[in-house]
Amino acid sequence: MTTAVESQPHLHKDAIGARIGMWLFLFTEILLFGGLFLLYAVYRSKFPGDFHFSAAELDTFMGTINTAVLLTSSLTMVIAVAGLEKKNRKIASIFLSATIFLAVVFLINKYFEWSAKFAHGLYPNSEVLEYHTAGENIFYGLYYLMTGLHGLHIVIGIVILSVMLFLVSKKSGKTGSAAEEELEGLHIKMENSGLYWHLVDIIWIFLFPLFYLIT
């Protein structure tokens, strides 16, 4: 029979491995978006006037709202992680739910923003953009590619956080050291989920000024 003393080193090694694995994954995500940011910078330097004109067509108000929504979701995620660290499943569940809700709000806002652009024919290969410059077409191509890829990461984040909400909310039948070990394992998963969500937020912090503010 494995005692609590024997299980702790094993759990500690699992925690280190999980965190290293998560940081490696996040590094690949940084490389992906870093390459896209570099591509954006190259084309912006090549077509400064076209990028300036196209950026002025975006809805800065909606972009600002979504920025506030994601920043708030980072706060709720931090509180959820802290709640589970203090072994308070209820607090963790409440603020995880709030984070998921804010993520859905972000996607709804983005849907309406994209819908408005599509209604005006401002999307790649549209009849409207056929009569615009190459730089404007490249701008909107990058806009949909980068914000769309970010939106996909939001959807993945919602799935991850929903799984965590299920795990945190369900009642554990374990007691004593087994319950402690289960809670510690959950906390590791929650921390990694939080790291992923913070990365998603940070990426938007770069996307927002690039497309909406730097005109």
N, C-alpha and C. Protein backbone atom coordinates (compact mmCIF):
# COMPACT_ATOMS: atom_id res chain seq x y z
N MET A 1 0.84 -1.20 0.00
CA MET A 1 0.00 0.00 0.00
C MET A 1 0.88 1.25 0.00
N THR A 2 0.58 2.21 -0.91
CA THR A 2 1.38 3.42 -1.02
C THR A 2 0.98 4.42 0.03
N THR A 3 1.91 4.90 0.81
CA THR A 3 1.61 5.88 1.84
C THR A 3 1.70 7.29 1.27
N ALA A 4 1.21 8.27 2.09
CA ALA A 4 1.24 9.67 1.65
C ALA A 4 2.67 10.13 1.44
N VAL A 5 3.60 9.64 2.31
CA VAL A 5 5.01 10.03 2.22
C VAL A 5 5.61 9.54 0.92
N GLU A 6 5.26 8.30 0.53
CA GLU A 6 5.80 7.72 -0.69
C GLU A 6 5.22 8.37 -1.93
N SER A 7 3.98 8.82 -1.86
CA SER A 7 3.32 9.36 -3.05
C SER A 7 3.73 10.79 -3.35
N GLN A 8 4.20 11.54 -2.34
CA GLN A 8 4.54 12.94 -2.53
C GLN A 8 5.67 13.15 -3.54
N PRO A 9 6.81 12.43 -3.47
CA PRO A 9 7.87 12.62 -4.46
C PRO A 9 7.37 12.35 -5.89
N HIS A 10 6.54 11.31 -6.03
CA HIS A 10 6.01 10.97 -7.35
C HIS A 10 5.14 12.12 -7.87
N LEU A 11 4.31 12.67 -6.99
CA LEU A 11 3.43 13.77 -7.37
C LEU A 11 4.26 15.00 -7.73
N HIS A 12 5.33 15.23 -6.97
CA HIS A 12 6.21 16.38 -7.22
C HIS A 12 6.84 16.27 -8.60
N LYS A 13 7.31 15.06 -8.96
CA LYS A 13 7.91 14.86 -10.28
C LYS A 13 6.87 15.06 -11.38
N ASP A 14 5.66 14.58 -11.16
CA ASP A 14 4.58 14.78 -12.14
C ASP A 14 4.30 16.27 -12.34
N ALA A 15 4.31 17.02 -11.24
CA ALA A 15 4.04 18.46 -11.31
C ALA A 15 5.11 19.17 -12.14
N ILE A 16 6.38 18.83 -11.89
CA ILE A 16 7.47 19.44 -12.64
C ILE A 16 7.36 19.10 -14.12
N GLY A 17 7.10 17.83 -14.41
CA GLY A 17 6.97 17.40 -15.80
C GLY A 17 5.81 18.09 -16.51
N ALA A 18 4.67 18.22 -15.81
CA ALA A 18 3.50 18.87 -16.40
C ALA A 18 3.78 20.34 -16.70
N ARG A 19 4.46 21.00 -15.78
CA ARG A 19 4.75 22.43 -15.97
C ARG A 19 5.75 22.65 -17.10
N ILE A 20 6.78 21.80 -17.14
CA ILE A 20 7.76 21.91 -18.23
C ILE A 20 7.08 21.68 -19.58
N GLY A 21 6.24 20.65 -19.63
CA GLY A 21 5.51 20.35 -20.86
C GLY A 21 4.64 21.51 -21.30
N MET A 22 3.98 22.15 -20.34
CA MET A 22 3.12 23.27 -20.66
C MET A 22 3.91 24.45 -21.17
N TRP A 23 5.05 24.75 -20.55
CA TRP A 23 5.88 25.87 -20.99
C TRP A 23 6.45 25.62 -22.38
N LEU A 24 6.78 24.37 -22.69
CA LEU A 24 7.26 24.04 -24.04
C LEU A 24 6.16 24.26 -25.06
N PHE A 25 4.94 23.86 -24.70
CA PHE A 25 3.81 24.07 -25.61
C PHE A 25 3.57 25.56 -25.83
N LEU A 26 3.62 26.34 -24.75
CA LEU A 26 3.41 27.78 -24.86
C LEU A 26 4.50 28.42 -25.73
N PHE A 27 5.70 27.87 -25.65
CA PHE A 27 6.81 28.40 -26.47
C PHE A 27 6.52 28.21 -27.95
N THR A 28 5.95 27.06 -28.32
CA THR A 28 5.60 26.83 -29.72
C THR A 28 4.50 27.80 -30.17
N GLU A 29 3.58 28.11 -29.27
CA GLU A 29 2.52 29.08 -29.60
C GLU A 29 3.11 30.47 -29.80
N ILE A 30 4.09 30.82 -28.98
CA ILE A 30 4.75 32.12 -29.12
C ILE A 30 5.48 32.20 -30.46
N LEU A 31 6.11 31.11 -30.86
CA LEU A 31 6.79 31.07 -32.15
C LEU A 31 5.79 31.24 -33.29
N LEU A 32 4.64 30.59 -33.18
CA LEU A 32 3.60 30.69 -34.22
C LEU A 32 3.13 32.13 -34.39
N PHE A 33 2.69 32.73 -33.31
CA PHE A 33 2.17 34.09 -33.41
C PHE A 33 3.30 35.10 -33.63
N GLY A 34 4.50 34.80 -33.11
CA GLY A 34 5.64 35.67 -33.35
C GLY A 34 5.94 35.77 -34.84
N GLY A 35 5.84 34.64 -35.55
CA GLY A 35 6.04 34.65 -37.00
C GLY A 35 4.99 35.48 -37.71
N LEU A 36 3.76 35.38 -37.25
CA LEU A 36 2.68 36.18 -37.86
C LEU A 36 2.85 37.66 -37.58
N PHE A 37 3.30 38.00 -36.36
CA PHE A 37 3.56 39.40 -36.04
C PHE A 37 4.69 39.95 -36.93
N LEU A 38 5.69 39.13 -37.17
CA LEU A 38 6.80 39.54 -38.03
C LEU A 38 6.30 39.76 -39.46
N LEU A 39 5.45 38.85 -39.93
CA LEU A 39 4.87 38.98 -41.27
C LEU A 39 4.06 40.27 -41.38
N TYR A 40 3.29 40.56 -40.35
CA TYR A 40 2.50 41.80 -40.31
C TYR A 40 3.43 43.02 -40.40
N ALA A 41 4.52 43.01 -39.63
CA ALA A 41 5.45 44.14 -39.62
C ALA A 41 6.08 44.36 -40.99
N VAL A 42 6.41 43.27 -41.68
CA VAL A 42 7.03 43.37 -43.01
C VAL A 42 6.06 44.03 -43.99
N TYR A 43 4.82 43.54 -44.02
CA TYR A 43 3.85 44.08 -44.96
C TYR A 43 3.43 45.50 -44.59
N ARG A 44 3.40 45.80 -43.29
CA ARG A 44 3.03 47.16 -42.88
C ARG A 44 4.10 48.16 -43.34
N SER A 45 5.36 47.75 -43.26
CA SER A 45 6.42 48.64 -43.73
C SER A 45 6.38 48.81 -45.25
N LYS A 46 5.83 47.80 -45.94
CA LYS A 46 5.75 47.85 -47.40
C LYS A 46 4.54 48.64 -47.87
N PHE A 47 3.43 48.55 -47.14
CA PHE A 47 2.20 49.24 -47.52
C PHE A 47 1.68 50.10 -46.36
N PRO A 48 2.43 51.07 -45.89
CA PRO A 48 2.00 51.86 -44.72
C PRO A 48 0.70 52.61 -44.94
N GLY A 49 0.53 53.21 -46.11
CA GLY A 49 -0.69 53.97 -46.40
C GLY A 49 -1.92 53.08 -46.44
N ASP A 50 -1.82 51.92 -47.09
CA ASP A 50 -2.95 51.00 -47.20
C ASP A 50 -3.33 50.43 -45.83
N PHE A 51 -2.33 50.13 -45.02
CA PHE A 51 -2.61 49.60 -43.67
C PHE A 51 -3.25 50.69 -42.81
N HIS A 52 -2.81 51.92 -42.98
CA HIS A 52 -3.39 53.04 -42.23
C HIS A 52 -4.87 53.21 -42.58
N PHE A 53 -5.17 53.18 -43.85
CA PHE A 53 -6.56 53.36 -44.30
C PHE A 53 -7.44 52.20 -43.84
N SER A 54 -6.93 50.97 -43.96
CA SER A 54 -7.72 49.79 -43.60
C SER A 54 -7.97 49.72 -42.10
N ALA A 55 -6.95 50.06 -41.30
CA ALA A 55 -7.11 50.02 -39.85
C ALA A 55 -8.18 50.99 -39.38
N ALA A 56 -8.33 52.11 -40.09
CA ALA A 56 -9.34 53.11 -39.73
C ALA A 56 -10.75 52.57 -39.93
N GLU A 57 -10.89 51.51 -40.73
CA GLU A 57 -12.21 50.91 -41.00
C GLU A 57 -12.64 49.94 -39.90
N LEU A 58 -11.72 49.55 -39.03
CA LEU A 58 -12.06 48.60 -37.97
C LEU A 58 -12.79 49.32 -36.83
N ASP A 59 -13.56 48.53 -36.08
CA ASP A 59 -14.36 49.09 -34.98
C ASP A 59 -13.51 49.10 -33.71
N THR A 60 -12.90 50.24 -33.43
CA THR A 60 -12.04 50.36 -32.25
C THR A 60 -12.82 50.17 -30.95
N PHE A 61 -14.08 50.61 -30.94
CA PHE A 61 -14.90 50.47 -29.74
C PHE A 61 -15.10 49.00 -29.38
N MET A 62 -15.43 48.19 -30.39
CA MET A 62 -15.62 46.75 -30.15
C MET A 62 -14.31 46.10 -29.73
N GLY A 63 -13.21 46.53 -30.35
CA GLY A 63 -11.92 45.99 -29.98
C GLY A 63 -11.55 46.33 -28.54
N THR A 64 -11.91 47.54 -28.13
CA THR A 64 -11.63 47.97 -26.75
C THR A 64 -12.45 47.16 -25.75
N ILE A 65 -13.71 46.94 -26.07
CA ILE A 65 -14.58 46.14 -25.20
C ILE A 65 -14.02 44.73 -25.05
N ASN A 66 -13.61 44.14 -26.16
CA ASN A 66 -13.06 42.78 -26.09
C ASN A 66 -11.76 42.74 -25.30
N THR A 67 -10.98 43.80 -25.37
CA THR A 67 -9.75 43.87 -24.57
C THR A 67 -10.09 43.89 -23.09
N ALA A 68 -11.08 44.71 -22.72
CA ALA A 68 -11.51 44.78 -21.31
C ALA A 68 -12.06 43.44 -20.85
N VAL A 69 -12.80 42.75 -21.74
CA VAL A 69 -13.38 41.45 -21.40
C VAL A 69 -12.29 40.43 -21.12
N LEU A 70 -11.27 40.39 -21.99
CA LEU A 70 -10.20 39.40 -21.80
C LEU A 70 -9.33 39.72 -20.59
N LEU A 71 -9.08 41.00 -20.35
CA LEU A 71 -8.30 41.36 -19.16
C LEU A 71 -9.04 40.96 -17.88
N THR A 72 -10.36 41.15 -17.89
CA THR A 72 -11.17 40.73 -16.73
C THR A 72 -11.15 39.22 -16.59
N SER A 73 -11.17 38.51 -17.72
CA SER A 73 -11.14 37.04 -17.66
C SER A 73 -9.82 36.54 -17.09
N SER A 74 -8.73 37.27 -17.32
CA SER A 74 -7.45 36.89 -16.73
C SER A 74 -7.51 37.01 -15.21
N LEU A 75 -8.18 38.07 -14.74
CA LEU A 75 -8.34 38.27 -13.30
C LEU A 75 -9.17 37.14 -12.68
N THR A 76 -10.29 36.80 -13.31
CA THR A 76 -11.14 35.73 -12.78
C THR A 76 -10.41 34.39 -12.80
N MET A 77 -9.53 34.20 -13.80
CA MET A 77 -8.76 32.95 -13.88
C MET A 77 -7.76 32.88 -12.73
N VAL A 78 -7.12 34.00 -12.42
CA VAL A 78 -6.18 34.05 -11.31
C VAL A 78 -6.87 33.71 -9.99
N ILE A 79 -8.06 34.27 -9.80
CA ILE A 79 -8.82 34.02 -8.57
C ILE A 79 -9.23 32.55 -8.50
N ALA A 80 -9.60 31.97 -9.64
CA ALA A 80 -9.98 30.55 -9.67
C ALA A 80 -8.81 29.66 -9.26
N VAL A 81 -7.63 29.96 -9.79
CA VAL A 81 -6.43 29.18 -9.44
C VAL A 81 -6.11 29.34 -7.96
N ALA A 82 -6.19 30.58 -7.47
CA ALA A 82 -5.91 30.84 -6.06
C ALA A 82 -6.92 30.14 -5.16
N GLY A 83 -8.18 30.11 -5.60
CA GLY A 83 -9.22 29.44 -4.82
C GLY A 83 -8.94 27.96 -4.66
N LEU A 84 -8.51 27.31 -5.74
CA LEU A 84 -8.23 25.88 -5.67
C LEU A 84 -6.96 25.63 -4.86
N GLU A 85 -6.01 26.55 -4.95
CA GLU A 85 -4.79 26.42 -4.15
C GLU A 85 -5.11 26.44 -2.66
N LYS A 86 -6.15 27.20 -2.30
CA LYS A 86 -6.58 27.27 -0.90
C LYS A 86 -7.63 26.20 -0.58
N LYS A 87 -7.79 25.25 -1.51
CA LYS A 87 -8.69 24.10 -1.36
C LYS A 87 -10.16 24.51 -1.28
N ASN A 88 -10.49 25.62 -1.91
CA ASN A 88 -11.87 26.09 -1.95
C ASN A 88 -12.43 25.82 -3.34
N ARG A 89 -13.05 24.67 -3.50
CA ARG A 89 -13.58 24.28 -4.81
C ARG A 89 -14.71 25.21 -5.26
N LYS A 90 -15.49 25.71 -4.31
CA LYS A 90 -16.62 26.57 -4.66
C LYS A 90 -16.15 27.86 -5.32
N ILE A 91 -15.16 28.52 -4.71
CA ILE A 91 -14.61 29.75 -5.28
C ILE A 91 -14.01 29.47 -6.65
N ALA A 92 -13.26 28.38 -6.74
CA ALA A 92 -12.63 28.01 -8.01
C ALA A 92 -13.69 27.80 -9.09
N SER A 93 -14.78 27.13 -8.75
CA SER A 93 -15.85 26.85 -9.72
C SER A 93 -16.55 28.14 -10.16
N ILE A 94 -16.82 29.02 -9.22
CA ILE A 94 -17.51 30.28 -9.53
C ILE A 94 -16.68 31.12 -10.51
N PHE A 95 -15.39 31.27 -10.21
CA PHE A 95 -14.57 32.14 -11.06
C PHE A 95 -14.14 31.46 -12.35
N LEU A 96 -14.11 30.14 -12.37
CA LEU A 96 -13.91 29.43 -13.63
C LEU A 96 -15.11 29.66 -14.55
N SER A 97 -16.30 29.58 -13.97
CA SER A 97 -17.53 29.84 -14.72
C SER A 97 -17.53 31.26 -15.28
N ALA A 98 -17.07 32.21 -14.46
CA ALA A 98 -17.00 33.61 -14.90
C ALA A 98 -16.02 33.76 -16.07
N THR A 99 -14.89 33.05 -16.00
CA THR A 99 -13.90 33.11 -17.08
C THR A 99 -14.48 32.56 -18.37
N ILE A 100 -15.18 31.44 -18.28
CA ILE A 100 -15.81 30.84 -19.46
C ILE A 100 -16.87 31.78 -20.03
N PHE A 101 -17.65 32.40 -19.17
CA PHE A 101 -18.69 33.34 -19.60
C PHE A 101 -18.06 34.51 -20.36
N LEU A 102 -16.98 35.06 -19.83
CA LEU A 102 -16.32 36.19 -20.48
C LEU A 102 -15.70 35.77 -21.82
N ALA A 103 -15.22 34.55 -21.90
CA ALA A 103 -14.68 34.05 -23.17
C ALA A 103 -15.77 33.97 -24.23
N VAL A 104 -16.95 33.53 -23.83
CA VAL A 104 -18.10 33.46 -24.75
C VAL A 104 -18.50 34.86 -25.18
N VAL A 105 -18.49 35.81 -24.25
CA VAL A 105 -18.81 37.21 -24.57
C VAL A 105 -17.83 37.73 -25.62
N PHE A 106 -16.55 37.42 -25.46
CA PHE A 106 -15.54 37.83 -26.44
C PHE A 106 -15.89 37.30 -27.83
N LEU A 107 -16.23 36.02 -27.92
CA LEU A 107 -16.54 35.41 -29.21
C LEU A 107 -17.80 36.01 -29.83
N ILE A 108 -18.79 36.31 -29.00
CA ILE A 108 -20.02 36.92 -29.51
C ILE A 108 -19.71 38.30 -30.09
N ASN A 109 -18.92 39.09 -29.37
CA ASN A 109 -18.53 40.41 -29.87
C ASN A 109 -17.76 40.30 -31.18
N LYS A 110 -16.85 39.34 -31.23
CA LYS A 110 -16.06 39.14 -32.45
C LYS A 110 -16.95 38.70 -33.61
N TYR A 111 -17.96 37.89 -33.33
CA TYR A 111 -18.90 37.47 -34.37
C TYR A 111 -19.61 38.68 -34.98
N PHE A 112 -20.11 39.57 -34.12
CA PHE A 112 -20.80 40.76 -34.62
C PHE A 112 -19.85 41.68 -35.38
N GLU A 113 -18.61 41.76 -34.91
CA GLU A 113 -17.63 42.61 -35.59
C GLU A 113 -17.32 42.06 -36.97
N TRP A 114 -17.07 40.76 -37.05
CA TRP A 114 -16.82 40.13 -38.34
C TRP A 114 -18.03 40.24 -39.26
N SER A 115 -19.22 40.05 -38.70
CA SER A 115 -20.45 40.11 -39.51
C SER A 115 -20.60 41.48 -40.16
N ALA A 116 -20.27 42.53 -39.41
CA ALA A 116 -20.36 43.89 -39.96
C ALA A 116 -19.39 44.06 -41.12
N LYS A 117 -18.19 43.50 -40.99
CA LYS A 117 -17.19 43.61 -42.07
C LYS A 117 -17.64 42.82 -43.30
N PHE A 118 -18.20 41.63 -43.07
CA PHE A 118 -18.68 40.83 -44.19
C PHE A 118 -19.84 41.52 -44.90
N ALA A 119 -20.69 42.19 -44.14
CA ALA A 119 -21.84 42.90 -44.72
C ALA A 119 -21.38 44.02 -45.65
N HIS A 120 -20.22 44.59 -45.35
CA HIS A 120 -19.66 45.67 -46.19
C HIS A 120 -18.71 45.13 -47.25
N GLY A 121 -18.60 43.80 -47.33
CA GLY A 121 -17.75 43.19 -48.34
C GLY A 121 -16.27 43.29 -48.06
N LEU A 122 -15.93 43.52 -46.81
CA LEU A 122 -14.51 43.66 -46.44
C LEU A 122 -13.98 42.33 -45.92
N TYR A 123 -13.74 41.43 -46.84
CA TYR A 123 -13.16 40.13 -46.52
C TYR A 123 -12.36 39.64 -47.72
N PRO A 124 -11.38 38.75 -47.52
CA PRO A 124 -10.51 38.32 -48.63
C PRO A 124 -11.29 37.78 -49.82
N ASN A 125 -10.85 38.18 -51.01
CA ASN A 125 -11.43 37.74 -52.29
C ASN A 125 -12.87 38.20 -52.51
N SER A 126 -13.31 39.20 -51.77
CA SER A 126 -14.66 39.73 -51.99
C SER A 126 -14.67 40.62 -53.23
N GLU A 127 -15.86 40.85 -53.80
CA GLU A 127 -15.97 41.71 -54.97
C GLU A 127 -15.58 43.15 -54.65
N VAL A 128 -15.87 43.56 -53.43
CA VAL A 128 -15.53 44.93 -53.02
C VAL A 128 -14.02 45.11 -52.99
N LEU A 129 -13.31 44.18 -52.36
CA LEU A 129 -11.86 44.32 -52.22
C LEU A 129 -11.11 44.11 -53.54
N GLU A 130 -11.79 43.57 -54.56
CA GLU A 130 -11.15 43.42 -55.86
C GLU A 130 -10.76 44.78 -56.44
N TYR A 131 -11.50 45.81 -56.05
CA TYR A 131 -11.25 47.16 -56.56
C TYR A 131 -10.36 47.97 -55.61
N HIS A 132 -9.89 47.34 -54.55
CA HIS A 132 -8.99 48.01 -53.61
C HIS A 132 -7.54 47.61 -53.90
N THR A 133 -6.63 48.25 -53.22
CA THR A 133 -5.19 48.01 -53.46
C THR A 133 -4.74 46.67 -52.88
N ALA A 134 -3.56 46.26 -53.32
CA ALA A 134 -3.00 44.99 -52.82
C ALA A 134 -2.75 45.08 -51.32
N GLY A 135 -2.29 46.25 -50.86
CA GLY A 135 -2.01 46.42 -49.44
C GLY A 135 -3.25 46.25 -48.58
N GLU A 136 -4.38 46.77 -49.04
CA GLU A 136 -5.63 46.62 -48.27
C GLU A 136 -6.07 45.17 -48.23
N ASN A 137 -5.91 44.47 -49.34
CA ASN A 137 -6.26 43.04 -49.37
C ASN A 137 -5.38 42.25 -48.41
N ILE A 138 -4.09 42.59 -48.38
CA ILE A 138 -3.17 41.90 -47.47
C ILE A 138 -3.54 42.20 -46.02
N PHE A 139 -3.90 43.46 -45.74
CA PHE A 139 -4.29 43.84 -44.37
C PHE A 139 -5.46 43.00 -43.89
N TYR A 140 -6.51 42.92 -44.70
CA TYR A 140 -7.69 42.16 -44.27
C TYR A 140 -7.41 40.66 -44.22
N GLY A 141 -6.52 40.19 -45.11
CA GLY A 141 -6.13 38.78 -45.05
C GLY A 141 -5.45 38.46 -43.73
N LEU A 142 -4.52 39.34 -43.32
CA LEU A 142 -3.83 39.15 -42.04
C LEU A 142 -4.78 39.34 -40.86
N TYR A 143 -5.69 40.29 -40.99
CA TYR A 143 -6.65 40.55 -39.91
C TYR A 143 -7.50 39.31 -39.63
N TYR A 144 -8.07 38.72 -40.68
CA TYR A 144 -8.92 37.53 -40.48
C TYR A 144 -8.10 36.32 -40.06
N LEU A 145 -6.89 36.20 -40.61
CA LEU A 145 -6.04 35.06 -40.25
C LEU A 145 -5.64 35.11 -38.78
N MET A 146 -5.14 36.26 -38.34
CA MET A 146 -4.60 36.35 -36.99
C MET A 146 -5.69 36.42 -35.92
N THR A 147 -6.74 37.20 -36.16
CA THR A 147 -7.83 37.25 -35.18
C THR A 147 -8.64 35.95 -35.21
N GLY A 148 -8.71 35.32 -36.38
CA GLY A 148 -9.41 34.03 -36.48
C GLY A 148 -8.67 32.93 -35.75
N LEU A 149 -7.33 32.92 -35.90
CA LEU A 149 -6.52 31.93 -35.20
C LEU A 149 -6.60 32.16 -33.68
N HIS A 150 -6.61 33.43 -33.30
CA HIS A 150 -6.77 33.75 -31.88
C HIS A 150 -8.14 33.29 -31.38
N GLY A 151 -9.17 33.51 -32.20
CA GLY A 151 -10.52 33.06 -31.82
C GLY A 151 -10.58 31.55 -31.64
N LEU A 152 -9.84 30.82 -32.49
CA LEU A 152 -9.78 29.36 -32.36
C LEU A 152 -9.15 28.98 -31.03
N HIS A 153 -8.14 29.71 -30.62
CA HIS A 153 -7.51 29.45 -29.32
C HIS A 153 -8.48 29.76 -28.17
N ILE A 154 -9.33 30.75 -28.37
CA ILE A 154 -10.36 31.05 -27.36
C ILE A 154 -11.31 29.87 -27.22
N VAL A 155 -11.73 29.31 -28.36
CA VAL A 155 -12.64 28.16 -28.34
C VAL A 155 -11.98 26.97 -27.63
N ILE A 156 -10.72 26.71 -27.96
CA ILE A 156 -9.99 25.62 -27.29
C ILE A 156 -9.90 25.89 -25.80
N GLY A 157 -9.66 27.16 -25.44
CA GLY A 157 -9.59 27.53 -24.03
C GLY A 157 -10.91 27.27 -23.31
N ILE A 158 -12.02 27.57 -23.98
CA ILE A 158 -13.34 27.32 -23.39
C ILE A 158 -13.53 25.84 -23.10
N VAL A 159 -13.10 25.00 -24.04
CA VAL A 159 -13.21 23.55 -23.85
C VAL A 159 -12.36 23.11 -22.66
N ILE A 160 -11.11 23.59 -22.61
CA ILE A 160 -10.22 23.21 -21.51
C ILE A 160 -10.78 23.65 -20.17
N LEU A 161 -11.24 24.90 -20.10
CA LEU A 161 -11.77 25.43 -18.84
C LEU A 161 -13.08 24.74 -18.44
N SER A 162 -13.86 24.33 -19.42
CA SER A 162 -15.10 23.61 -19.13
C SER A 162 -14.80 22.24 -18.52
N VAL A 163 -13.77 21.58 -19.05
CA VAL A 163 -13.35 20.28 -18.48
C VAL A 163 -12.87 20.49 -17.04
N MET A 164 -12.09 21.56 -16.84
CA MET A 164 -11.60 21.86 -15.49
C MET A 164 -12.77 22.17 -14.55
N LEU A 165 -13.76 22.88 -15.04
CA LEU A 165 -14.93 23.20 -14.22
C LEU A 165 -15.65 21.93 -13.79
N PHE A 166 -15.76 20.98 -14.70
CA PHE A 166 -16.40 19.70 -14.38
C PHE A 166 -15.61 18.96 -13.30
N LEU A 167 -14.28 18.92 -13.47
CA LEU A 167 -13.42 18.20 -12.51
C LEU A 167 -13.44 18.85 -11.14
N VAL A 168 -13.42 20.18 -11.13
CA VAL A 168 -13.39 20.90 -9.85
C VAL A 168 -14.73 20.83 -9.14
N SER A 169 -15.82 20.86 -9.92
CA SER A 169 -17.17 20.93 -9.34
C SER A 169 -17.67 19.59 -8.80
N LYS A 170 -17.21 18.48 -9.42
CA LYS A 170 -17.74 17.18 -9.00
C LYS A 170 -17.21 16.81 -7.61
N LYS A 171 -18.06 16.15 -6.85
CA LYS A 171 -17.69 15.76 -5.50
C LYS A 171 -16.73 14.58 -5.52
N SER A 172 -15.72 14.67 -4.67
CA SER A 172 -14.74 13.59 -4.57
C SER A 172 -15.14 12.63 -3.45
N GLY A 173 -15.06 11.33 -3.73
CA GLY A 173 -15.38 10.35 -2.72
C GLY A 173 -14.17 9.97 -1.88
N LYS A 174 -13.02 10.60 -2.19
CA LYS A 174 -11.79 10.27 -1.49
C LYS A 174 -11.67 11.06 -0.19
N THR A 175 -10.90 10.52 0.72
CA THR A 175 -10.67 11.19 2.00
C THR A 175 -9.19 11.11 2.36
N GLY A 176 -8.81 11.92 3.33
CA GLY A 176 -7.44 11.85 3.84
C GLY A 176 -6.40 12.21 2.81
N SER A 177 -5.30 11.46 2.80
CA SER A 177 -4.18 11.75 1.90
C SER A 177 -4.56 11.57 0.43
N ALA A 178 -5.48 10.65 0.16
CA ALA A 178 -5.93 10.44 -1.23
C ALA A 178 -6.63 11.69 -1.76
N ALA A 179 -7.45 12.31 -0.91
CA ALA A 179 -8.16 13.53 -1.29
C ALA A 179 -7.17 14.68 -1.50
N GLU A 180 -6.16 14.75 -0.64
CA GLU A 180 -5.14 15.79 -0.76
C GLU A 180 -4.37 15.64 -2.07
N GLU A 181 -4.03 14.40 -2.39
CA GLU A 181 -3.29 14.14 -3.63
C GLU A 181 -4.13 14.49 -4.85
N GLU A 182 -5.43 14.16 -4.80
CA GLU A 182 -6.32 14.48 -5.91
C GLU A 182 -6.42 15.99 -6.10
N LEU A 183 -6.53 16.72 -5.00
CA LEU A 183 -6.64 18.17 -5.04
C LEU A 183 -5.37 18.80 -5.59
N GLU A 184 -4.23 18.25 -5.19
CA GLU A 184 -2.95 18.76 -5.69
C GLU A 184 -2.84 18.54 -7.19
N GLY A 185 -3.28 17.36 -7.65
CA GLY A 185 -3.27 17.07 -9.08
C GLY A 185 -4.17 18.02 -9.85
N LEU A 186 -5.34 18.32 -9.26
CA LEU A 186 -6.26 19.28 -9.89
C LEU A 186 -5.64 20.66 -9.96
N HIS A 187 -4.93 21.03 -8.91
CA HIS A 187 -4.31 22.35 -8.87
C HIS A 187 -3.25 22.50 -9.96
N ILE A 188 -2.50 21.44 -10.21
CA ILE A 188 -1.50 21.46 -11.28
C ILE A 188 -2.19 21.67 -12.63
N LYS A 189 -3.27 20.93 -12.87
CA LYS A 189 -4.03 21.09 -14.12
C LYS A 189 -4.61 22.50 -14.24
N MET A 190 -5.10 23.02 -13.12
CA MET A 190 -5.67 24.36 -13.12
C MET A 190 -4.60 25.41 -13.44
N GLU A 191 -3.44 25.26 -12.85
CA GLU A 191 -2.33 26.19 -13.12
C GLU A 191 -1.97 26.18 -14.60
N ASN A 192 -1.87 25.00 -15.20
CA ASN A 192 -1.53 24.90 -16.62
C ASN A 192 -2.63 25.48 -17.49
N SER A 193 -3.88 25.25 -17.10
CA SER A 193 -5.00 25.84 -17.83
C SER A 193 -4.93 27.36 -17.75
N GLY A 194 -4.57 27.86 -16.57
CA GLY A 194 -4.44 29.30 -16.38
C GLY A 194 -3.32 29.88 -17.23
N LEU A 195 -2.21 29.17 -17.33
CA LEU A 195 -1.10 29.63 -18.17
C LEU A 195 -1.53 29.74 -19.63
N TYR A 196 -2.26 28.75 -20.10
CA TYR A 196 -2.76 28.78 -21.47
C TYR A 196 -3.67 29.99 -21.68
N TRP A 197 -4.57 30.21 -20.71
CA TRP A 197 -5.52 31.30 -20.86
C TRP A 197 -4.83 32.66 -20.82
N HIS A 198 -3.82 32.80 -19.99
CA HIS A 198 -3.08 34.06 -19.93
C HIS A 198 -2.33 34.31 -21.24
N LEU A 199 -1.83 33.24 -21.87
CA LEU A 199 -1.17 33.40 -23.17
C LEU A 199 -2.16 33.92 -24.21
N VAL A 200 -3.36 33.36 -24.21
CA VAL A 200 -4.40 33.80 -25.13
C VAL A 200 -4.69 35.30 -24.93
N ASP A 201 -4.74 35.71 -23.68
CA ASP A 201 -4.98 37.12 -23.36
C ASP A 201 -3.81 38.00 -23.84
N ILE A 202 -2.59 37.54 -23.60
CA ILE A 202 -1.41 38.32 -23.99
C ILE A 202 -1.34 38.49 -25.50
N ILE A 203 -1.68 37.44 -26.23
CA ILE A 203 -1.68 37.53 -27.70
C ILE A 203 -2.64 38.61 -28.16
N TRP A 204 -3.82 38.68 -27.52
CA TRP A 204 -4.78 39.72 -27.91
C TRP A 204 -4.25 41.11 -27.57
N ILE A 205 -3.51 41.23 -26.48
CA ILE A 205 -2.93 42.52 -26.08
C ILE A 205 -2.01 43.04 -27.18
N PHE A 206 -1.38 42.14 -27.94
CA PHE A 206 -0.55 42.54 -29.07
C PHE A 206 -1.40 42.76 -30.33
N LEU A 207 -2.40 41.93 -30.54
CA LEU A 207 -3.25 42.07 -31.73
C LEU A 207 -4.04 43.37 -31.72
N PHE A 208 -4.54 43.75 -30.54
CA PHE A 208 -5.40 44.92 -30.44
C PHE A 208 -4.71 46.20 -30.93
N PRO A 209 -3.53 46.55 -30.43
CA PRO A 209 -2.91 47.78 -30.94
C PRO A 209 -2.45 47.66 -32.39
N LEU A 210 -1.98 46.47 -32.80
CA LEU A 210 -1.51 46.31 -34.17
C LEU A 210 -2.59 46.60 -35.20
N PHE A 211 -3.81 46.11 -34.95
CA PHE A 211 -4.87 46.27 -35.92
C PHE A 211 -5.78 47.48 -35.66
N TYR A 212 -5.97 47.82 -34.41
CA TYR A 212 -6.98 48.84 -34.08
C TYR A 212 -6.41 50.21 -33.73
N LEU A 213 -5.23 50.25 -33.15
CA LEU A 213 -4.71 51.51 -32.61
C LEU A 213 -3.61 52.15 -33.46
N ILE A 214 -2.75 51.31 -34.05
CA ILE A 214 -1.65 51.86 -34.85
C ILE A 214 -2.17 52.14 -36.25
N THR A 215 -2.68 53.34 -36.44
CA THR A 215 -3.26 53.70 -37.75
C THR A 215 -2.35 54.68 -38.49
